[in-house]
Amino acid sequence: MVVSDPIPAEYSLDRDCTTLSRHVVQQLVKTGKAASLLAPEAQDISAIMGRIALAGKLVARRLSKAGLVENALGFTGDVNVQGESVKRMDLYANEVFISVFKQSGLVCRLASEEMEDPYYIPENCPIGRYTLLYDPIDGSSNVDINLNVGSIFSLRQQEGEDLDGKATDLLQSGHKQLGAGYILYGPSTILVYSVGDGVHSFILDPSLGEFILTEESIQIPPHGPVYSVNEGNFWQWEDSIRDYTRYVHRHEGYTARYSGALVGDIHRILMQGGVFLYPGTRQKPEGKLRLLYESAPLAFLIEQAGGRASTGTQRLMDVIPQALHQRTPLIIGSQEDVELVESFIQDHHRRQGAEQDG
C-alpha cells in the first residue's frame, strides 16, 4: 500500500480560506445592512472593499521595490493643503486610489488629506452614492528608511445633492461611517476593517493575490502595557499630558513604543493593548491628526474592538467637524488606559476651575 505524504499545513489552510469580498458580504447581512448576499448594497460595499484591496496591493508592490524605482522616494517639492511637504509616495498612493475607483461606478467622490477639495467622478454619481475618505500613505516619513507605513480609509453614504460641490454632508460625526479600516505595509501586508460588527484582519497572500482572513472579531485588551506618544513634544504639551507621562515613568508595567507611523502604532495596540496619544500642544491645541481621514476611521475600528477613542474631553466619534481637513487631538486604545489619560485631563481642568473660583 502506498502511503501519501501528509498535506503541508500551509496548503491545508487554502481549502477553507475566506477572501475579503466574501467576508464583507457575510458581515453586511449579519449586521442587517443588507437583506441578502445578493442585495445591491451588499454587492456595492463588497466591491468597494475589493477596490480598496486592489489599491493596497498596488501600493504594497511599489513600496516593496521603492529603492529600486526611479523617483519613488523623497519629496516632490510641492506642499499639500495641510502645509506639509509632499512625498513622492504620497502622490503615487493618492493617484492609485483615484485610478482604481475612477472607472468603478462605485463611488461619487474621493476625499483625501492630500487634496484640498474632494475628487468628483461625475459619471459615477448617478449610480455610486458613496464617498471614500482616505489617507493614502500615513507615516510617509518612514518610507525612505524602509519602516512600516499604512493607508487609512472610511466609507460614507452621500446625503443630499451636493449642489455646491463642497461635500458639506461629510461634516458629520463618526457615527455616519458605514465602515472603516487600514492597510499596514510591513513584513506582511495586512488589511483590517469593520462594517459595524467587529474588527477583522486579513493578510495578503502574494501567491494567490488575495487578502485571506486571519482573525475575526478582534478584541483589544481592556488594559495593555504600551503607551505610544512622541515624547519629543513633552515641553509643548499641557500639564495634564505631562503629568500622565510622569505617571507611567514612575510605575512598573509600562513600555514606550512609538514608530512615527500611526497605523503601525495603532495595530500594535489593537493586538496587544495600551494607549496611543497625539495630543494638542499649547501652540496648536487642535492637534495634528485629521479627523475625517485618520482619527474618526480609527475610532470606529477601536470602538468596534471594545476600545475607546477620545479627544481628551469628548468621545471622538461624537465630534462634528467644521471643515473637511479639521484636526483633532487623539487618545485611543484600551478602555482603561484611555480613561486613565482622560482622568488626568479632568483633574487638571478641575484644578484650573478651582483656582479661577478662588
Protein backbone atom coordinates (compact mmCIF):
# COMPACT_ATOMS: atom_id res chain seq x y z
CA MET A 1 0.00 0.00 0.00
CA VAL A 2 1.31 3.44 -0.93
CA VAL A 3 1.04 5.98 1.86
CA SER A 4 0.76 9.52 0.59
CA ASP A 5 2.60 12.32 2.32
CA PRO A 6 0.54 14.45 4.70
CA ILE A 7 -0.72 17.74 3.30
CA PRO A 8 1.58 20.56 4.44
CA ALA A 9 -0.09 22.96 6.87
CA GLU A 10 0.43 25.91 4.52
CA TYR A 11 -1.76 24.20 1.89
CA SER A 12 -4.37 22.73 4.23
CA LEU A 13 -5.46 26.27 5.06
CA ASP A 14 -6.22 27.01 1.40
CA ARG A 15 -9.24 24.70 1.33
CA ASP A 16 -11.19 26.79 3.85
CA CYS A 17 -9.77 30.26 3.21
CA THR A 18 -12.17 33.18 3.30
CA THR A 19 -11.49 36.06 0.93
CA LEU A 20 -12.15 39.69 1.77
CA SER A 21 -15.03 40.18 -0.68
CA ARG A 22 -16.87 37.10 0.58
CA HIS A 23 -16.38 38.12 4.19
CA VAL A 24 -17.67 41.68 3.67
CA VAL A 25 -20.94 40.43 2.17
CA GLN A 26 -21.43 38.00 5.04
CA GLN A 27 -20.83 40.76 7.59
CA LEU A 28 -23.28 43.14 5.93
CA VAL A 29 -26.02 40.52 6.02
CA LYS A 30 -25.16 39.72 9.63
CA THR A 31 -25.45 43.38 10.69
CA GLY A 32 -28.72 43.86 8.82
CA LYS A 33 -27.21 46.46 6.48
CA ALA A 34 -28.07 44.17 3.59
CA ALA A 35 -31.13 41.94 3.23
CA SER A 36 -29.29 39.12 1.48
CA LEU A 37 -25.99 38.13 -0.05
CA LEU A 38 -27.27 39.39 -3.41
CA ALA A 39 -28.65 42.71 -2.17
CA PRO A 40 -27.31 45.68 -4.17
CA GLU A 41 -25.89 47.41 -1.09
CA ALA A 42 -24.01 44.25 -0.10
CA GLN A 43 -22.59 43.88 -3.58
CA ASP A 44 -21.65 47.57 -3.77
CA ILE A 45 -19.82 47.73 -0.45
CA SER A 46 -18.12 44.40 -1.11
CA ALA A 47 -16.94 45.73 -4.47
CA ILE A 48 -15.70 48.95 -2.85
CA MET A 49 -13.69 46.92 -0.35
CA GLY A 50 -12.32 44.92 -3.26
CA ARG A 51 -11.13 48.13 -4.90
CA ILE A 52 -9.53 49.30 -1.64
CA ALA A 53 -7.74 45.96 -1.50
CA LEU A 54 -6.55 46.44 -5.09
CA ALA A 55 -5.17 49.88 -4.18
CA GLY A 56 -3.40 48.28 -1.23
CA LYS A 57 -1.83 45.64 -3.45
CA LEU A 58 -0.55 48.28 -5.88
CA VAL A 59 0.89 50.43 -3.11
CA ALA A 60 2.48 47.39 -1.44
CA ARG A 61 4.10 46.40 -4.73
CA ARG A 62 5.52 49.90 -5.18
CA LEU A 63 6.81 50.01 -1.62
CA SER A 64 8.49 46.62 -1.96
CA LYS A 65 10.80 47.98 -4.67
CA ALA A 66 10.75 51.70 -3.85
CA GLY A 67 14.52 51.89 -3.54
CA LEU A 68 14.93 50.33 -7.00
CA VAL A 69 12.43 52.52 -8.87
CA GLU A 70 13.41 55.96 -10.10
CA ASN A 71 11.51 58.87 -8.46
CA ALA A 72 9.81 56.62 -5.90
CA LEU A 73 11.49 58.11 -2.81
CA GLY A 74 12.00 61.62 -1.50
CA PHE A 75 9.95 64.80 -1.85
CA THR A 76 8.15 66.18 -4.90
CA GLY A 77 8.87 69.80 -3.95
CA ASP A 78 5.16 70.55 -3.54
CA VAL A 79 3.20 71.38 -0.38
CA ASN A 80 -0.25 69.87 0.25
CA VAL A 81 -3.34 71.53 1.70
CA GLN A 82 -2.10 70.65 5.19
CA GLY A 83 1.01 72.78 4.66
CA GLU A 84 3.18 69.64 4.60
CA SER A 85 5.86 68.75 2.07
CA VAL A 86 4.59 66.06 -0.28
CA LYS A 87 6.49 62.81 -0.58
CA ARG A 88 6.58 61.09 -3.95
CA MET A 89 4.98 58.03 -2.37
CA ASP A 90 2.13 60.20 -1.01
CA LEU A 91 1.40 61.40 -4.52
CA TYR A 92 1.69 57.94 -6.05
CA ALA A 93 -0.63 56.33 -3.47
CA ASN A 94 -3.21 59.10 -3.84
CA GLU A 95 -3.23 58.63 -7.62
CA VAL A 96 -3.60 54.86 -7.15
CA PHE A 97 -6.79 55.30 -5.11
CA ILE A 98 -8.19 57.68 -7.73
CA SER A 99 -7.27 55.34 -10.56
CA VAL A 100 -8.83 52.18 -9.09
CA PHE A 101 -12.12 53.96 -8.35
CA LYS A 102 -12.40 56.24 -11.36
CA GLN A 103 -13.89 53.63 -13.69
CA SER A 104 -15.57 51.54 -11.00
CA GLY A 105 -19.04 53.11 -10.97
CA LEU A 106 -18.98 52.63 -7.20
CA VAL A 107 -18.21 55.98 -5.58
CA CYS A 108 -19.18 59.50 -6.49
CA ARG A 109 -16.45 61.27 -4.54
CA LEU A 110 -13.00 60.64 -3.15
CA ALA A 111 -11.76 62.83 -0.30
CA SER A 112 -8.11 62.66 0.72
CA GLU A 113 -5.89 64.62 3.04
CA GLU A 114 -3.65 65.16 0.01
CA MET A 115 -6.38 67.06 -1.90
CA GLU A 116 -7.87 70.39 -0.87
CA ASP A 117 -11.31 69.53 -2.31
CA PRO A 118 -13.00 66.18 -2.95
CA TYR A 119 -12.33 64.49 -6.27
CA TYR A 120 -15.63 64.05 -8.11
CA ILE A 121 -16.35 61.26 -10.58
CA PRO A 122 -19.46 62.65 -12.34
CA GLU A 123 -20.11 59.55 -14.42
CA ASN A 124 -20.37 57.53 -11.17
CA CYS A 125 -22.66 59.90 -9.29
CA PRO A 126 -26.00 58.65 -10.64
CA ILE A 127 -25.01 55.14 -9.52
CA GLY A 128 -22.44 55.25 -6.75
CA ARG A 129 -23.83 57.26 -3.85
CA TYR A 130 -20.80 56.59 -1.68
CA THR A 131 -17.79 58.65 -0.67
CA LEU A 132 -14.42 57.17 0.19
CA LEU A 133 -12.29 59.22 2.57
CA TYR A 134 -8.68 58.15 2.96
CA ASP A 135 -5.13 58.91 3.95
CA PRO A 136 -3.20 57.27 1.09
CA ILE A 137 0.11 56.92 2.94
CA ASP A 138 0.25 57.60 6.65
CA GLY A 139 3.74 57.85 8.13
CA SER A 140 5.34 58.59 4.76
CA SER A 141 8.46 59.92 6.51
CA ASN A 142 9.22 56.24 7.19
CA VAL A 143 9.22 55.27 3.50
CA ASP A 144 12.76 56.45 2.76
CA ILE A 145 14.16 54.38 5.65
CA ASN A 146 12.12 51.22 4.93
CA LEU A 147 9.92 51.25 8.05
CA ASN A 148 6.20 50.50 8.39
CA VAL A 149 3.64 52.78 6.77
CA GLY A 150 -0.09 52.42 6.20
CA SER A 151 -3.24 53.60 4.47
CA ILE A 152 -6.43 54.56 6.34
CA PHE A 153 -9.91 54.55 4.81
CA SER A 154 -13.51 55.38 5.69
CA LEU A 155 -16.73 54.87 3.74
CA ARG A 156 -19.75 57.16 3.99
CA GLN A 157 -23.08 57.42 2.17
CA GLN A 158 -23.64 60.57 0.17
CA GLU A 159 -26.54 62.61 1.56
CA GLY A 160 -28.35 65.24 -0.47
CA GLU A 161 -27.40 66.53 -3.89
CA ASP A 162 -24.10 68.26 -3.00
CA LEU A 163 -25.09 71.16 -5.24
CA ASP A 164 -22.25 73.45 -4.12
CA GLY A 165 -19.53 70.87 -4.77
CA LYS A 166 -18.18 71.28 -1.24
CA ALA A 167 -19.30 67.92 0.19
CA THR A 168 -20.74 69.59 3.29
CA ASP A 169 -22.73 66.42 4.04
CA LEU A 170 -19.42 64.87 5.12
CA LEU A 171 -19.28 67.29 8.05
CA GLN A 172 -21.00 64.85 10.37
CA SER A 173 -19.89 62.70 13.27
CA GLY A 174 -18.03 59.42 13.00
CA HIS A 175 -21.29 57.55 13.60
CA LYS A 176 -22.14 58.22 9.94
CA GLN A 177 -19.37 55.92 8.75
CA LEU A 178 -20.57 52.75 7.04
CA GLY A 179 -17.20 51.13 7.50
CA ALA A 180 -13.55 51.91 8.10
CA GLY A 181 -10.17 50.28 8.20
CA TYR A 182 -6.50 50.44 7.41
CA ILE A 183 -3.84 48.65 5.41
CA LEU A 184 -0.49 48.09 7.11
CA TYR A 185 2.52 47.63 4.83
CA GLY A 186 5.14 45.67 6.72
CA PRO A 187 6.67 42.17 6.69
CA SER A 188 3.17 41.17 5.58
CA THR A 189 0.53 43.42 4.04
CA ILE A 190 -2.39 43.40 6.46
CA LEU A 191 -5.87 44.80 5.89
CA VAL A 192 -8.06 45.42 8.96
CA TYR A 193 -11.67 46.55 8.58
CA SER A 194 -15.09 46.81 10.18
CA VAL A 195 -18.57 47.44 8.79
CA GLY A 196 -20.12 47.70 12.23
CA ASP A 197 -19.93 44.14 13.54
CA GLY A 198 -16.48 43.60 14.96
CA VAL A 199 -12.98 44.07 13.59
CA HIS A 200 -11.43 41.55 11.22
CA SER A 201 -7.93 41.18 9.79
CA PHE A 202 -6.66 39.78 6.51
CA ILE A 203 -3.18 39.09 5.22
CA LEU A 204 -2.24 39.42 1.57
CA ASP A 205 -1.14 36.07 0.17
CA PRO A 206 1.16 37.05 -2.72
CA SER A 207 0.88 33.61 -4.30
CA LEU A 208 -2.90 33.99 -4.60
CA GLY A 209 -3.07 37.75 -4.98
CA GLU A 210 -5.85 37.70 -2.37
CA PHE A 211 -6.36 39.04 1.15
CA ILE A 212 -7.15 35.98 3.28
CA LEU A 213 -8.98 36.09 6.62
CA THR A 214 -6.63 35.55 9.55
CA GLU A 215 -8.59 36.72 12.59
CA GLU A 216 -12.25 37.53 13.19
CA SER A 217 -13.86 39.68 15.87
CA ILE A 218 -10.62 41.02 17.31
CA GLN A 219 -10.96 42.34 20.86
CA ILE A 220 -8.49 44.85 22.23
CA PRO A 221 -7.42 44.00 25.81
CA PRO A 222 -9.05 46.28 28.42
CA HIS A 223 -5.58 47.28 29.58
CA GLY A 224 -2.17 46.96 27.98
CA PRO A 225 1.45 47.78 28.72
CA VAL A 226 2.16 50.01 25.74
CA TYR A 227 1.94 53.78 25.71
CA SER A 228 2.71 55.29 22.33
CA VAL A 229 3.45 59.02 22.13
CA ASN A 230 6.12 61.32 20.72
CA GLU A 231 7.82 62.39 23.92
CA GLY A 232 9.94 64.82 21.93
CA ASN A 233 6.92 67.16 22.26
CA PHE A 234 6.87 66.86 26.08
CA TRP A 235 7.53 70.54 26.84
CA GLN A 236 4.91 71.66 24.33
CA TRP A 237 2.08 69.70 25.98
CA GLU A 238 -0.42 70.87 28.52
CA ASP A 239 0.40 69.97 32.15
CA SER A 240 -2.20 67.16 32.20
CA ILE A 241 -0.45 65.15 29.48
CA ARG A 242 2.94 65.77 31.04
CA ASP A 243 1.55 64.57 34.40
CA TYR A 244 0.27 61.38 32.76
CA THR A 245 3.67 60.79 31.15
CA ARG A 246 5.41 61.23 34.50
CA TYR A 247 2.94 58.75 36.00
CA VAL A 248 3.83 55.97 33.54
CA HIS A 249 7.53 56.72 34.05
CA ARG A 250 7.15 56.12 37.78
CA HIS A 251 5.05 52.94 37.62
CA GLU A 252 6.14 49.48 36.56
CA GLY A 253 4.41 47.60 33.77
CA TYR A 254 4.53 50.30 31.09
CA THR A 255 6.66 50.30 27.98
CA ALA A 256 7.06 53.06 25.39
CA ARG A 257 6.62 52.18 21.72
CA TYR A 258 6.39 54.93 19.09
CA SER A 259 7.25 54.44 15.41
CA GLY A 260 6.14 57.70 13.83
CA ALA A 261 3.63 55.74 11.71
CA LEU A 262 0.10 55.94 13.10
CA VAL A 263 -1.18 52.74 11.51
CA GLY A 264 1.69 50.63 12.84
CA ASP A 265 1.30 52.01 16.35
CA ILE A 266 -2.48 51.52 16.33
CA HIS A 267 -2.14 47.95 15.04
CA ARG A 268 0.23 47.09 17.89
CA ILE A 269 -2.22 48.49 20.44
CA LEU A 270 -5.21 46.77 18.83
CA MET A 271 -3.45 43.42 19.18
CA GLN A 272 -1.61 43.91 22.48
CA GLY A 273 -3.49 46.66 24.33
CA GLY A 274 -2.35 50.05 25.57
CA VAL A 275 -2.87 53.64 24.50
CA PHE A 276 -1.80 55.89 21.64
CA LEU A 277 -1.68 59.64 22.24
CA TYR A 278 -1.31 62.51 19.82
CA PRO A 279 -2.40 65.43 21.99
CA GLY A 280 -2.56 69.06 21.02
CA THR A 281 0.16 71.43 22.10
CA ARG A 282 -0.05 74.86 23.68
CA GLN A 283 0.62 76.46 20.29
CA LYS A 284 -1.65 74.03 18.39
CA PRO A 285 -4.37 72.77 20.75
CA GLU A 286 -6.27 71.25 17.81
CA GLY A 287 -3.53 68.66 17.38
CA LYS A 288 -2.07 67.28 14.16
CA LEU A 289 -4.23 64.35 13.05
CA ARG A 290 -7.09 64.85 10.59
CA LEU A 291 -10.50 63.96 11.98
CA LEU A 292 -12.16 62.64 8.81
CA TYR A 293 -9.17 60.85 7.29
CA GLU A 294 -7.37 59.45 10.34
CA SER A 295 -8.95 59.88 13.77
CA ALA A 296 -12.62 59.04 13.04
CA PRO A 297 -11.89 55.87 11.00
CA LEU A 298 -9.53 54.57 13.68
CA ALA A 299 -12.03 55.46 16.41
CA PHE A 300 -14.70 53.47 14.55
CA LEU A 301 -12.40 50.45 14.45
CA ILE A 302 -11.16 50.62 18.02
CA GLU A 303 -14.68 51.01 19.43
CA GLN A 304 -15.79 48.00 17.40
CA ALA A 305 -12.97 46.08 19.07
CA GLY A 306 -14.12 47.12 22.55
CA GLY A 307 -11.71 50.01 22.99
CA ARG A 308 -12.13 53.74 23.46
CA ALA A 309 -11.25 56.85 21.45
CA SER A 310 -11.29 60.39 22.81
CA THR A 311 -10.10 63.91 22.22
CA GLY A 312 -9.36 64.01 25.94
CA THR A 313 -12.56 65.86 26.72
CA GLN A 314 -15.05 64.28 24.28
CA ARG A 315 -15.80 60.91 22.73
CA LEU A 316 -14.13 61.16 19.35
CA MET A 317 -16.98 59.51 17.45
CA ASP A 318 -19.27 62.35 18.62
CA VAL A 319 -17.10 65.16 17.21
CA ILE A 320 -18.77 67.04 14.35
CA PRO A 321 -16.17 68.60 12.04
CA GLN A 322 -16.48 72.16 10.84
CA ALA A 323 -14.19 71.64 7.86
CA LEU A 324 -13.03 68.73 5.70
CA HIS A 325 -9.44 68.98 6.90
CA GLN A 326 -10.17 69.67 10.56
CA ARG A 327 -7.58 68.37 13.01
CA THR A 328 -8.18 66.92 16.44
CA PRO A 329 -6.24 65.56 19.41
CA LEU A 330 -6.40 61.77 19.67
CA ILE A 331 -6.25 59.44 22.67
CA ILE A 332 -7.12 55.91 21.60
CA GLY A 333 -6.70 52.32 22.69
CA SER A 334 -7.69 50.09 25.59
CA GLN A 335 -10.69 51.25 27.61
CA GLU A 336 -8.89 51.50 30.95
CA ASP A 337 -5.80 53.18 29.54
CA VAL A 338 -7.74 55.87 27.67
CA GLU A 339 -9.84 56.52 30.78
CA LEU A 340 -6.65 56.96 32.80
CA VAL A 341 -5.38 59.66 30.43
CA GLU A 342 -8.81 61.33 30.49
CA SER A 343 -8.72 61.35 34.30
CA PHE A 344 -5.50 63.41 34.28
CA ILE A 345 -7.11 65.89 31.88
CA GLN A 346 -10.28 66.11 34.00
CA ASP A 347 -8.26 66.60 37.20
CA HIS A 348 -6.29 69.37 35.54
CA HIS A 349 -9.49 71.14 34.44
CA ARG A 350 -10.94 70.85 37.95
CA ARG A 351 -7.83 72.38 39.46
CA GLN A 352 -7.92 75.21 36.94
CA GLY A 353 -11.60 75.82 37.74
CA ALA A 354 -10.90 75.84 41.47
CA GLU A 355 -8.07 78.34 41.04
CA GLN A 356 -10.28 80.64 38.96
CA ASP A 357 -13.09 80.43 41.52
CA GLY A 358 -10.65 81.13 44.31
